[in-house]
Amino acid sequence: MAMVMLCVLLGSQVSHAQNFKKNATAGFTFLEVPATARTAALGESSLALSDENSSAVFSNPAALGFSSQTHSLSVSYAPWFAEIKNFTSSYALKTSYGVFGVGLVVFDYGSIPRSVVVQGQKVYEVIGTFDAKSVACGITYSKMLTERFSFGAAVKYVQETIDTYRASNVLFDGGVLYYTGLGSFRIAASIQNFGVNSKFINDEFKMPSVFKLGAAVEVTGAKDADDRITVLAEALHPNDATEKVNVGLEYSWRSRVSLRAGYKFFSDEETYSVGLGFDPQLSVPFILDVAYSNYGRLGKISRLTLQFGLN
């Protein structure tokens, strides 16, 4: 509980120490996009989930400590807006010293026409193309201090490139996850994307830091039951937008099929999301997750995640 209060205090200090106008003032905003289909389907309210294995490196580093598999791997893909391709991947190794994980996020914006003004005319001539890409790669460490409490921390390198120009930085994540003992009720807190300002050419910008508080509980069945219904909620305090609240619901049937839904409150365009998870219960753990998210006037986004493991 003391660690949770410490995260609350740090989050408050972060928000007060950065005196900027909030709306759309941060860079590296690709870090705010959900990395897995399960998180997307739950309305991004996955902070207090403790059974994500390697995928936890994207949502809450503390949840990585609850990993049940010695080796776990996940890969995800989503066709983002404007023909942008989004790839993510994670791997985790569980040891007697804790759980170590690595994560990779890639946004490929494809080839963009390069144009110049035709001399003496008010028209443009295409003379070739240039590429743009965003990448984040990080290392995470998490450990359970007790059977009910875990902490985690991560450091990641982020970079965005457009043609020959680039911006980069080193960012930090930290989180805690605690089972309260009231049934399966657990609470979680996390600070993500914390770092100093960066610069693109001559323009300085801040990082998309966000402080999160989350909770989850099984309203029917235990947390490890084959049949269960889990309710999740998450409050966000970003430094580049107004506060938001996300909620999610997950129904697991015989640990083979999971139905998911989520909703985002106080977002500009994002609203509902739905998804499906399928676990065929093979000798080698394998899970397929899909999600469908509504972004209002921007359109709909589908996401696919494959998870593998070795016990």
C-alpha atoms as a PDB file:
ATOM      1  CA  MET A   1       0.000   0.000   0.000  1.00  0.00           C
ATOM      2  CA  ALA A   2       2.894   2.329   0.733  1.00  0.00           C
ATOM      3  CA  MET A   3       4.180   1.803  -2.812  1.00  0.00           C
ATOM      4  CA  VAL A   4       0.767   2.685  -4.220  1.00  0.00           C
ATOM      5  CA  MET A   5       0.713   5.903  -2.229  1.00  0.00           C
ATOM      6  CA  LEU A   6       4.235   6.684  -3.426  1.00  0.00           C
ATOM      7  CA  CYS A   7       3.130   6.313  -7.043  1.00  0.00           C
ATOM      8  CA  VAL A   8       0.168   8.602  -6.379  1.00  0.00           C
ATOM      9  CA  LEU A   9       2.491  11.225  -4.906  1.00  0.00           C
ATOM     10  CA  LEU A  10       4.969  10.948  -7.785  1.00  0.00           C
ATOM     11  CA  GLY A  11       2.178  11.224 -10.324  1.00  0.00           C
ATOM     12  CA  SER A  12       0.927  14.389  -8.656  1.00  0.00           C
ATOM     13  CA  GLN A  13       4.407  15.891  -8.678  1.00  0.00           C
ATOM     14  CA  VAL A  14       4.862  15.061 -12.356  1.00  0.00           C
ATOM     15  CA  SER A  15       1.616  16.783 -13.297  1.00  0.00           C
ATOM     16  CA  HIS A  16       2.415  19.932 -11.306  1.00  0.00           C
ATOM     17  CA  ALA A  17       6.063  20.168 -12.295  1.00  0.00           C
ATOM     18  CA  GLN A  18       5.355  20.422 -16.023  1.00  0.00           C
ATOM     19  CA  ASN A  19       3.697  23.768 -16.623  1.00  0.00           C
ATOM     20  CA  PHE A  20       2.545  23.408 -20.208  1.00  0.00           C
ATOM     21  CA  LYS A  21      -0.753  23.804 -21.965  1.00  0.00           C
ATOM     22  CA  LYS A  22      -2.171  20.294 -21.951  1.00  0.00           C
ATOM     23  CA  ASN A  23      -3.973  19.710 -25.213  1.00  0.00           C
ATOM     24  CA  ALA A  24      -1.910  17.952 -27.900  1.00  0.00           C
ATOM     25  CA  THR A  25       1.457  19.284 -26.714  1.00  0.00           C
ATOM     26  CA  ALA A  26       3.443  16.039 -26.338  1.00  0.00           C
ATOM     27  CA  GLY A  27       5.465  14.134 -28.896  1.00  0.00           C
ATOM     28  CA  PHE A  28       5.991  10.397 -29.406  1.00  0.00           C
ATOM     29  CA  THR A  29       2.213   9.980 -29.164  1.00  0.00           C
ATOM     30  CA  PHE A  30       2.450   6.555 -30.816  1.00  0.00           C
ATOM     31  CA  LEU A  31       3.295   5.343 -27.297  1.00  0.00           C
ATOM     32  CA  GLU A  32      -0.330   6.021 -26.302  1.00  0.00           C
ATOM     33  CA  VAL A  33      -1.714   3.465 -28.781  1.00  0.00           C
ATOM     34  CA  PRO A  34      -2.770   0.094 -27.249  1.00  0.00           C
ATOM     35  CA  ALA A  35      -0.173  -2.563 -27.999  1.00  0.00           C
ATOM     36  CA  THR A  36      -2.239  -5.773 -27.796  1.00  0.00           C
ATOM     37  CA  ALA A  37      -5.679  -6.917 -28.884  1.00  0.00           C
ATOM     38  CA  ARG A  38      -6.747  -7.805 -25.333  1.00  0.00           C
ATOM     39  CA  THR A  39      -5.937  -4.316 -24.038  1.00  0.00           C
ATOM     40  CA  ALA A  40      -7.693  -2.701 -27.009  1.00  0.00           C
ATOM     41  CA  ALA A  41     -10.811  -4.860 -26.581  1.00  0.00           C
ATOM     42  CA  LEU A  42     -11.075  -3.922 -22.892  1.00  0.00           C
ATOM     43  CA  GLY A  43     -11.087  -0.207 -23.649  1.00  0.00           C
ATOM     44  CA  GLU A  44      -7.424  -0.015 -22.552  1.00  0.00           C
ATOM     45  CA  SER A  45      -8.388  -0.785 -18.940  1.00  0.00           C
ATOM     46  CA  SER A  46      -5.812  -3.561 -18.510  1.00  0.00           C
ATOM     47  CA  LEU A  47      -3.615  -1.988 -15.813  1.00  0.00           C
ATOM     48  CA  ALA A  48      -4.761  -4.402 -13.071  1.00  0.00           C
ATOM     49  CA  LEU A  49      -4.629  -7.595 -15.157  1.00  0.00           C
ATOM     50  CA  SER A  50      -2.136 -10.075 -13.707  1.00  0.00           C
ATOM     51  CA  ASP A  51      -2.295 -12.854 -16.354  1.00  0.00           C
ATOM     52  CA  GLU A  52      -0.851 -11.126 -19.410  1.00  0.00           C
ATOM     53  CA  ASN A  53       2.598 -12.762 -19.240  1.00  0.00           C
ATOM     54  CA  SER A  54       5.004 -10.979 -21.643  1.00  0.00           C
ATOM     55  CA  SER A  55       2.312  -8.549 -22.887  1.00  0.00           C
ATOM     56  CA  ALA A  56       2.428  -6.864 -19.470  1.00  0.00           C
ATOM     57  CA  VAL A  57       5.541  -4.937 -20.576  1.00  0.00           C
ATOM     58  CA  PHE A  58       3.177  -2.652 -22.508  1.00  0.00           C
ATOM     59  CA  SER A  59       0.429  -2.143 -19.908  1.00  0.00           C
ATOM     60  CA  ASN A  60       1.954  -2.338 -16.413  1.00  0.00           C
ATOM     61  CA  PRO A  61       5.514  -3.555 -15.704  1.00  0.00           C
ATOM     62  CA  ALA A  62       4.428  -4.752 -12.248  1.00  0.00           C
ATOM     63  CA  ALA A  63       2.019  -7.278 -13.779  1.00  0.00           C
ATOM     64  CA  LEU A  64       4.973  -9.037 -15.380  1.00  0.00           C
ATOM     65  CA  GLY A  65       5.900 -10.367 -11.935  1.00  0.00           C
ATOM     66  CA  PHE A  66       2.744 -12.514 -11.871  1.00  0.00           C
ATOM     67  CA  SER A  67       3.749 -14.369 -15.068  1.00  0.00           C
ATOM     68  CA  SER A  68       2.821 -18.040 -14.937  1.00  0.00           C
ATOM     69  CA  GLN A  69       5.072 -19.150 -17.821  1.00  0.00           C
ATOM     70  CA  THR A  70       8.846 -19.585 -17.810  1.00  0.00           C
ATOM     71  CA  HIS A  71       9.039 -18.283 -21.385  1.00  0.00           C
ATOM     72  CA  SER A  72       6.321 -16.167 -22.977  1.00  0.00           C
ATOM     73  CA  LEU A  73       6.106 -14.377 -26.313  1.00  0.00           C
ATOM     74  CA  SER A  74       3.527 -12.173 -28.009  1.00  0.00           C
ATOM     75  CA  VAL A  75       3.256 -10.597 -31.458  1.00  0.00           C
ATOM     76  CA  SER A  76       0.589  -8.123 -32.576  1.00  0.00           C
ATOM     77  CA  TYR A  77      -0.425  -6.361 -35.762  1.00  0.00           C
ATOM     78  CA  ALA A  78      -2.910  -3.606 -36.556  1.00  0.00           C
ATOM     79  CA  PRO A  79      -3.516  -1.694 -39.811  1.00  0.00           C
ATOM     80  CA  TRP A  80      -3.619   1.841 -38.377  1.00  0.00           C
ATOM     81  CA  PHE A  81      -5.131   4.936 -39.954  1.00  0.00           C
ATOM     82  CA  ALA A  82      -3.862   6.304 -43.302  1.00  0.00           C
ATOM     83  CA  GLU A  83      -2.363   2.931 -44.285  1.00  0.00           C
ATOM     84  CA  ILE A  84       0.060   3.014 -41.338  1.00  0.00           C
ATOM     85  CA  LYS A  85       1.256  -0.397 -40.133  1.00  0.00           C
ATOM     86  CA  ASN A  86       1.601  -1.043 -36.397  1.00  0.00           C
ATOM     87  CA  PHE A  87       3.653  -4.005 -35.110  1.00  0.00           C
ATOM     88  CA  THR A  88       4.418  -4.952 -31.501  1.00  0.00           C
ATOM     89  CA  SER A  89       6.257  -7.853 -29.936  1.00  0.00           C
ATOM     90  CA  SER A  90       7.298  -8.888 -26.426  1.00  0.00           C
ATOM     91  CA  TYR A  91       9.234 -11.649 -24.711  1.00  0.00           C
ATOM     92  CA  ALA A  92       9.572 -12.491 -21.003  1.00  0.00           C
ATOM     93  CA  LEU A  93      11.730 -14.895 -18.996  1.00  0.00           C
ATOM     94  CA  LYS A  94      10.726 -15.943 -15.488  1.00  0.00           C
ATOM     95  CA  THR A  95      13.630 -16.670 -13.120  1.00  0.00           C
ATOM     96  CA  SER A  96      14.184 -17.078  -9.396  1.00  0.00           C
ATOM     97  CA  TYR A  97      15.413 -13.452  -9.344  1.00  0.00           C
ATOM     98  CA  GLY A  98      12.257 -12.055 -10.925  1.00  0.00           C
ATOM     99  CA  VAL A  99      10.831 -11.710 -14.424  1.00  0.00           C
ATOM    100  CA  PHE A 100      12.756 -10.025 -17.211  1.00  0.00           C
ATOM    101  CA  GLY A 101      11.023  -8.775 -20.335  1.00  0.00           C
ATOM    102  CA  VAL A 102      11.699  -6.941 -23.592  1.00  0.00           C
ATOM    103  CA  GLY A 103       9.214  -5.109 -25.786  1.00  0.00           C
ATOM    104  CA  LEU A 104       9.207  -3.610 -29.270  1.00  0.00           C
ATOM    105  CA  VAL A 105       6.731  -1.197 -30.881  1.00  0.00           C
ATOM    106  CA  VAL A 106       6.998  -0.158 -34.535  1.00  0.00           C
ATOM    107  CA  PHE A 107       4.878   2.254 -36.554  1.00  0.00           C
ATOM    108  CA  ASP A 108       5.704   2.150 -40.264  1.00  0.00           C
ATOM    109  CA  TYR A 109       4.246   5.165 -42.076  1.00  0.00           C
ATOM    110  CA  GLY A 110       5.329   3.867 -45.478  1.00  0.00           C
ATOM    111  CA  SER A 111       6.689   5.878 -48.399  1.00  0.00           C
ATOM    112  CA  ILE A 112       5.601   9.505 -48.756  1.00  0.00           C
ATOM    113  CA  PRO A 113       5.935  11.454 -52.054  1.00  0.00           C
ATOM    114  CA  ARG A 114       8.713  14.050 -52.064  1.00  0.00           C
ATOM    115  CA  SER A 115       7.665  17.177 -53.961  1.00  0.00           C
ATOM    116  CA  VAL A 116       9.169  20.535 -54.876  1.00  0.00           C
ATOM    117  CA  VAL A 117       7.695  23.738 -56.246  1.00  0.00           C
ATOM    118  CA  VAL A 118       8.165  24.057 -60.008  1.00  0.00           C
ATOM    119  CA  GLN A 119      10.080  27.259 -60.663  1.00  0.00           C
ATOM    120  CA  GLY A 120       7.821  30.035 -61.909  1.00  0.00           C
ATOM    121  CA  GLN A 121       4.656  27.984 -61.437  1.00  0.00           C
ATOM    122  CA  LYS A 122       2.197  27.353 -58.595  1.00  0.00           C
ATOM    123  CA  VAL A 123       2.380  23.602 -58.922  1.00  0.00           C
ATOM    124  CA  TYR A 124       4.408  20.841 -57.267  1.00  0.00           C
ATOM    125  CA  GLU A 125       6.513  18.173 -58.931  1.00  0.00           C
ATOM    126  CA  VAL A 126       7.052  14.745 -57.368  1.00  0.00           C
ATOM    127  CA  ILE A 127      10.763  13.915 -57.451  1.00  0.00           C
ATOM    128  CA  GLY A 128      10.799  10.761 -55.370  1.00  0.00           C
ATOM    129  CA  THR A 129       9.754   9.463 -51.961  1.00  0.00           C
ATOM    130  CA  PHE A 130      10.914   9.459 -48.341  1.00  0.00           C
ATOM    131  CA  ASP A 131      10.148   7.207 -45.378  1.00  0.00           C
ATOM    132  CA  ALA A 132       8.919   7.807 -41.832  1.00  0.00           C
ATOM    133  CA  LYS A 133       8.930   5.455 -38.864  1.00  0.00           C
ATOM    134  CA  SER A 134       8.438   5.389 -35.082  1.00  0.00           C
ATOM    135  CA  VAL A 135      10.159   2.793 -32.891  1.00  0.00           C
ATOM    136  CA  ALA A 136      10.239   2.026 -29.164  1.00  0.00           C
ATOM    137  CA  CYS A 137      12.233  -0.801 -27.599  1.00  0.00           C
ATOM    138  CA  GLY A 138      12.603  -1.429 -23.898  1.00  0.00           C
ATOM    139  CA  ILE A 139      13.716  -3.706 -21.075  1.00  0.00           C
ATOM    140  CA  THR A 140      11.441  -4.494 -18.103  1.00  0.00           C
ATOM    141  CA  TYR A 141      12.086  -6.058 -14.703  1.00  0.00           C
ATOM    142  CA  SER A 142       9.397  -7.160 -12.262  1.00  0.00           C
ATOM    143  CA  LYS A 143       9.332  -9.142  -9.038  1.00  0.00           C
ATOM    144  CA  MET A 144       6.712 -10.392  -6.614  1.00  0.00           C
ATOM    145  CA  LEU A 145       7.649  -9.331  -3.085  1.00  0.00           C
ATOM    146  CA  THR A 146       4.755 -11.346  -1.660  1.00  0.00           C
ATOM    147  CA  GLU A 147       2.083 -13.591  -3.164  1.00  0.00           C
ATOM    148  CA  ARG A 148      -0.163 -10.529  -3.435  1.00  0.00           C
ATOM    149  CA  PHE A 149       2.204  -7.674  -4.295  1.00  0.00           C
ATOM    150  CA  SER A 150       4.479  -7.000  -7.231  1.00  0.00           C
ATOM    151  CA  PHE A 151       6.468  -4.043  -8.530  1.00  0.00           C
ATOM    152  CA  GLY A 152       8.064  -3.392 -11.898  1.00  0.00           C
ATOM    153  CA  ALA A 153      10.191  -0.882 -13.776  1.00  0.00           C
ATOM    154  CA  ALA A 154      11.130  -0.401 -17.403  1.00  0.00           C
ATOM    155  CA  VAL A 155      13.512   1.701 -19.459  1.00  0.00           C
ATOM    156  CA  LYS A 156      12.937   2.195 -23.182  1.00  0.00           C
ATOM    157  CA  TYR A 157      14.533   3.945 -26.100  1.00  0.00           C
ATOM    158  CA  VAL A 158      12.173   5.774 -28.464  1.00  0.00           C
ATOM    159  CA  GLN A 159      12.901   7.281 -31.859  1.00  0.00           C
ATOM    160  CA  GLU A 160      10.937   8.905 -34.657  1.00  0.00           C
ATOM    161  CA  THR A 161      12.424   9.502 -38.110  1.00  0.00           C
ATOM    162  CA  ILE A 162      11.149  11.466 -41.090  1.00  0.00           C
ATOM    163  CA  ASP A 163      13.465  11.363 -44.087  1.00  0.00           C
ATOM    164  CA  THR A 164      16.897  12.436 -42.729  1.00  0.00           C
ATOM    165  CA  TYR A 165      15.475  14.070 -39.577  1.00  0.00           C
ATOM    166  CA  ARG A 166      15.036  12.260 -36.287  1.00  0.00           C
ATOM    167  CA  ALA A 167      14.185  12.708 -32.616  1.00  0.00           C
ATOM    168  CA  SER A 168      14.980  10.246 -29.825  1.00  0.00           C
ATOM    169  CA  ASN A 169      14.866   9.891 -26.056  1.00  0.00           C
ATOM    170  CA  VAL A 170      15.116   7.466 -23.136  1.00  0.00           C
ATOM    171  CA  LEU A 171      11.918   7.032 -21.103  1.00  0.00           C
ATOM    172  CA  PHE A 172      10.983   5.210 -17.907  1.00  0.00           C
ATOM    173  CA  ASP A 173       7.924   3.281 -16.688  1.00  0.00           C
ATOM    174  CA  GLY A 174       7.132   2.113 -13.173  1.00  0.00           C
ATOM    175  CA  GLY A 175       4.212   0.346 -11.569  1.00  0.00           C
ATOM    176  CA  VAL A 176       2.780  -1.685  -8.702  1.00  0.00           C
ATOM    177  CA  LEU A 177       0.039  -4.315  -8.507  1.00  0.00           C
ATOM    178  CA  TYR A 178      -1.565  -5.400  -5.222  1.00  0.00           C
ATOM    179  CA  TYR A 179      -4.198  -8.005  -4.355  1.00  0.00           C
ATOM    180  CA  THR A 180      -6.095  -6.540  -1.414  1.00  0.00           C
ATOM    181  CA  GLY A 181      -7.336  -9.828   0.041  1.00  0.00           C
ATOM    182  CA  LEU A 182     -10.972  -8.826  -0.535  1.00  0.00           C
ATOM    183  CA  GLY A 183     -11.817 -11.729  -2.798  1.00  0.00           C
ATOM    184  CA  SER A 184      -9.884 -11.214  -6.049  1.00  0.00           C
ATOM    185  CA  PHE A 185     -10.039  -7.413  -5.865  1.00  0.00           C
ATOM    186  CA  ARG A 186      -6.737  -5.841  -6.866  1.00  0.00           C
ATOM    187  CA  ILE A 187      -5.506  -2.334  -7.455  1.00  0.00           C
ATOM    188  CA  ALA A 188      -2.666  -1.037  -9.589  1.00  0.00           C
ATOM    189  CA  ALA A 189      -0.807   2.182 -10.269  1.00  0.00           C
ATOM    190  CA  SER A 190       1.651   3.131 -12.966  1.00  0.00           C
ATOM    191  CA  ILE A 191       3.651   6.045 -14.347  1.00  0.00           C
ATOM    192  CA  GLN A 192       4.492   5.651 -18.021  1.00  0.00           C
ATOM    193  CA  ASN A 193       6.630   7.491 -20.579  1.00  0.00           C
ATOM    194  CA  PHE A 194       8.399   9.641 -17.998  1.00  0.00           C
ATOM    195  CA  GLY A 195      11.418  11.523 -19.311  1.00  0.00           C
ATOM    196  CA  VAL A 196      12.991  14.871 -20.112  1.00  0.00           C
ATOM    197  CA  ASN A 197      11.961  16.939 -23.115  1.00  0.00           C
ATOM    198  CA  SER A 198      13.231  16.062 -26.552  1.00  0.00           C
ATOM    199  CA  LYS A 199      13.760  18.093 -29.723  1.00  0.00           C
ATOM    200  CA  PHE A 200      12.888  17.610 -33.376  1.00  0.00           C
ATOM    201  CA  ILE A 201      15.084  19.877 -35.527  1.00  0.00           C
ATOM    202  CA  ASN A 202      14.662  23.121 -33.516  1.00  0.00           C
ATOM    203  CA  ASP A 203      11.294  22.416 -31.886  1.00  0.00           C
ATOM    204  CA  GLU A 204      11.304  21.145 -28.303  1.00  0.00           C
ATOM    205  CA  PHE A 205       8.467  18.961 -27.057  1.00  0.00           C
ATOM    206  CA  LYS A 206       7.590  17.055 -23.890  1.00  0.00           C
ATOM    207  CA  MET A 207       6.998  13.358 -23.406  1.00  0.00           C
ATOM    208  CA  PRO A 208       3.479  11.817 -23.309  1.00  0.00           C
ATOM    209  CA  SER A 209       3.735  11.034 -19.584  1.00  0.00           C
ATOM    210  CA  VAL A 210       0.645   9.535 -17.995  1.00  0.00           C
ATOM    211  CA  PHE A 211      -0.253   8.500 -14.456  1.00  0.00           C
ATOM    212  CA  LYS A 212      -2.746   5.631 -14.158  1.00  0.00           C
ATOM    213  CA  LEU A 213      -4.803   4.089 -11.371  1.00  0.00           C
ATOM    214  CA  GLY A 214      -6.633   0.837 -12.030  1.00  0.00           C
ATOM    215  CA  ALA A 215      -8.698  -1.859 -10.359  1.00  0.00           C
ATOM    216  CA  ALA A 216     -10.133  -5.233 -11.285  1.00  0.00           C
ATOM    217  CA  VAL A 217     -12.280  -7.893  -9.639  1.00  0.00           C
ATOM    218  CA  GLU A 218     -14.018 -11.132 -10.583  1.00  0.00           C
ATOM    219  CA  VAL A 219     -17.736 -10.661  -9.960  1.00  0.00           C
ATOM    220  CA  THR A 220     -18.327 -14.396 -10.584  1.00  0.00           C
ATOM    221  CA  GLY A 221     -15.726 -17.116 -10.187  1.00  0.00           C
ATOM    222  CA  ALA A 222     -12.222 -16.838  -8.756  1.00  0.00           C
ATOM    223  CA  LYS A 223      -9.372 -15.191 -10.650  1.00  0.00           C
ATOM    224  CA  ASP A 224      -8.121 -18.609 -11.831  1.00  0.00           C
ATOM    225  CA  ALA A 225     -11.540 -20.187 -12.383  1.00  0.00           C
ATOM    226  CA  ASP A 226     -12.375 -21.693 -15.762  1.00  0.00           C
ATOM    227  CA  ASP A 227     -15.615 -19.685 -15.868  1.00  0.00           C
ATOM    228  CA  ARG A 228     -15.448 -16.123 -14.607  1.00  0.00           C
ATOM    229  CA  ILE A 229     -16.525 -12.556 -15.266  1.00  0.00           C
ATOM    230  CA  THR A 230     -13.975  -9.807 -14.642  1.00  0.00           C
ATOM    231  CA  VAL A 231     -14.798  -6.113 -14.321  1.00  0.00           C
ATOM    232  CA  LEU A 232     -12.021  -3.563 -14.830  1.00  0.00           C
ATOM    233  CA  ALA A 233     -11.707   0.208 -14.479  1.00  0.00           C
ATOM    234  CA  GLU A 234      -8.864   2.630 -15.042  1.00  0.00           C
ATOM    235  CA  ALA A 235      -8.389   6.370 -14.505  1.00  0.00           C
ATOM    236  CA  LEU A 236      -5.778   8.270 -16.522  1.00  0.00           C
ATOM    237  CA  HIS A 237      -4.077  11.579 -15.826  1.00  0.00           C
ATOM    238  CA  PRO A 238      -2.070  12.449 -18.986  1.00  0.00           C
ATOM    239  CA  ASN A 239       0.083  15.547 -19.215  1.00  0.00           C
ATOM    240  CA  ASP A 240      -1.112  16.399 -22.729  1.00  0.00           C
ATOM    241  CA  ALA A 241      -4.888  15.998 -22.411  1.00  0.00           C
ATOM    242  CA  THR A 242      -7.756  16.000 -19.939  1.00  0.00           C
ATOM    243  CA  GLU A 243      -8.380  13.148 -17.496  1.00  0.00           C
ATOM    244  CA  LYS A 244     -10.020  10.001 -18.868  1.00  0.00           C
ATOM    245  CA  VAL A 245     -11.743   6.910 -17.516  1.00  0.00           C
ATOM    246  CA  ASN A 246     -11.744   3.490 -19.204  1.00  0.00           C
ATOM    247  CA  VAL A 247     -13.858   0.486 -18.240  1.00  0.00           C
ATOM    248  CA  GLY A 248     -13.838  -3.104 -19.434  1.00  0.00           C
ATOM    249  CA  LEU A 249     -15.604  -6.440 -19.030  1.00  0.00           C
ATOM    250  CA  GLU A 250     -14.244  -9.914 -19.754  1.00  0.00           C
ATOM    251  CA  TYR A 251     -16.164 -13.194 -19.690  1.00  0.00           C
ATOM    252  CA  SER A 252     -14.117 -16.392 -19.762  1.00  0.00           C
ATOM    253  CA  TRP A 253     -15.815 -19.663 -20.648  1.00  0.00           C
ATOM    254  CA  ARG A 254     -13.958 -22.811 -19.537  1.00  0.00           C
ATOM    255  CA  SER A 255     -10.679 -20.903 -20.032  1.00  0.00           C
ATOM    256  CA  ARG A 256     -11.039 -21.518 -23.755  1.00  0.00           C
ATOM    257  CA  VAL A 257     -13.098 -18.610 -25.045  1.00  0.00           C
ATOM    258  CA  SER A 258     -13.075 -15.036 -23.734  1.00  0.00           C
ATOM    259  CA  LEU A 259     -15.568 -12.353 -24.710  1.00  0.00           C
ATOM    260  CA  ARG A 260     -14.478  -8.763 -24.075  1.00  0.00           C
ATOM    261  CA  ALA A 261     -15.907  -5.274 -24.266  1.00  0.00           C
ATOM    262  CA  GLY A 262     -14.760  -1.838 -23.202  1.00  0.00           C
ATOM    263  CA  TYR A 263     -15.682   1.817 -23.252  1.00  0.00           C
ATOM    264  CA  LYS A 264     -13.673   5.047 -22.992  1.00  0.00           C
ATOM    265  CA  PHE A 265     -15.162   8.071 -21.270  1.00  0.00           C
ATOM    266  CA  PHE A 266     -14.078  11.688 -21.927  1.00  0.00           C
ATOM    267  CA  SER A 267     -12.141  10.824 -25.104  1.00  0.00           C
ATOM    268  CA  ASP A 268     -12.436  13.009 -28.180  1.00  0.00           C
ATOM    269  CA  GLU A 269     -13.307  10.244 -30.646  1.00  0.00           C
ATOM    270  CA  GLU A 270     -12.727   6.839 -29.070  1.00  0.00           C
ATOM    271  CA  THR A 271     -15.773   5.084 -27.628  1.00  0.00           C
ATOM    272  CA  TYR A 272     -16.526   1.353 -27.523  1.00  0.00           C
ATOM    273  CA  SER A 273     -14.433  -1.698 -28.281  1.00  0.00           C
ATOM    274  CA  VAL A 274     -15.105  -5.426 -28.415  1.00  0.00           C
ATOM    275  CA  GLY A 275     -12.936  -8.492 -28.753  1.00  0.00           C
ATOM    276  CA  LEU A 276     -12.529 -12.237 -28.598  1.00  0.00           C
ATOM    277  CA  GLY A 277      -9.859 -14.518 -27.152  1.00  0.00           C
ATOM    278  CA  PHE A 278      -9.361 -18.189 -27.997  1.00  0.00           C
ATOM    279  CA  ASP A 279      -7.204 -20.633 -26.011  1.00  0.00           C
ATOM    280  CA  PRO A 280      -7.317 -24.183 -27.443  1.00  0.00           C
ATOM    281  CA  GLN A 281      -5.600 -25.579 -24.306  1.00  0.00           C
ATOM    282  CA  LEU A 282      -2.681 -27.120 -26.189  1.00  0.00           C
ATOM    283  CA  SER A 283       0.311 -28.748 -24.521  1.00  0.00           C
ATOM    284  CA  VAL A 284       2.285 -25.660 -25.609  1.00  0.00           C
ATOM    285  CA  PRO A 285       0.304 -22.572 -24.492  1.00  0.00           C
ATOM    286  CA  PHE A 286      -1.127 -20.642 -27.427  1.00  0.00           C
ATOM    287  CA  ILE A 287      -3.728 -17.849 -27.384  1.00  0.00           C
ATOM    288  CA  LEU A 288      -5.308 -15.895 -30.237  1.00  0.00           C
ATOM    289  CA  ASP A 289      -6.828 -12.472 -29.437  1.00  0.00           C
ATOM    290  CA  VAL A 290      -8.685 -10.136 -31.785  1.00  0.00           C
ATOM    291  CA  ALA A 291     -10.138  -6.672 -31.105  1.00  0.00           C
ATOM    292  CA  TYR A 292     -12.319  -4.157 -32.889  1.00  0.00           C
ATOM    293  CA  SER A 293     -12.227  -0.519 -31.714  1.00  0.00           C
ATOM    294  CA  ASN A 294     -14.411   2.412 -32.715  1.00  0.00           C
ATOM    295  CA  TYR A 295     -12.565   5.731 -33.151  1.00  0.00           C
ATOM    296  CA  GLY A 296     -15.603   7.779 -34.175  1.00  0.00           C
ATOM    297  CA  ARG A 297     -15.021   9.954 -37.215  1.00  0.00           C
ATOM    298  CA  LEU A 298     -11.564   8.469 -37.684  1.00  0.00           C
ATOM    299  CA  GLY A 299     -12.921   4.997 -38.371  1.00  0.00           C
ATOM    300  CA  LYS A 300     -12.570   1.497 -36.976  1.00  0.00           C
ATOM    301  CA  ILE A 301      -9.386  -0.372 -36.103  1.00  0.00           C
ATOM    302  CA  SER A 302      -8.914  -4.154 -35.899  1.00  0.00           C
ATOM    303  CA  ARG A 303      -6.015  -5.717 -34.000  1.00  0.00           C
ATOM    304  CA  LEU A 304      -4.644  -9.248 -33.848  1.00  0.00           C
ATOM    305  CA  THR A 305      -2.381 -10.742 -31.149  1.00  0.00           C
ATOM    306  CA  LEU A 306      -0.771 -14.171 -30.926  1.00  0.00           C
ATOM    307  CA  GLN A 307       0.659 -15.380 -27.601  1.00  0.00           C
ATOM    308  CA  PHE A 308       2.947 -18.358 -27.059  1.00  0.00           C
ATOM    309  CA  GLY A 309       4.505 -19.829 -23.934  1.00  0.00           C
ATOM    310  CA  LEU A 310       6.509 -22.586 -22.267  1.00  0.00           C
ATOM    311  CA  ASN A 311       5.732 -23.599 -18.693  1.00  0.00           C
END
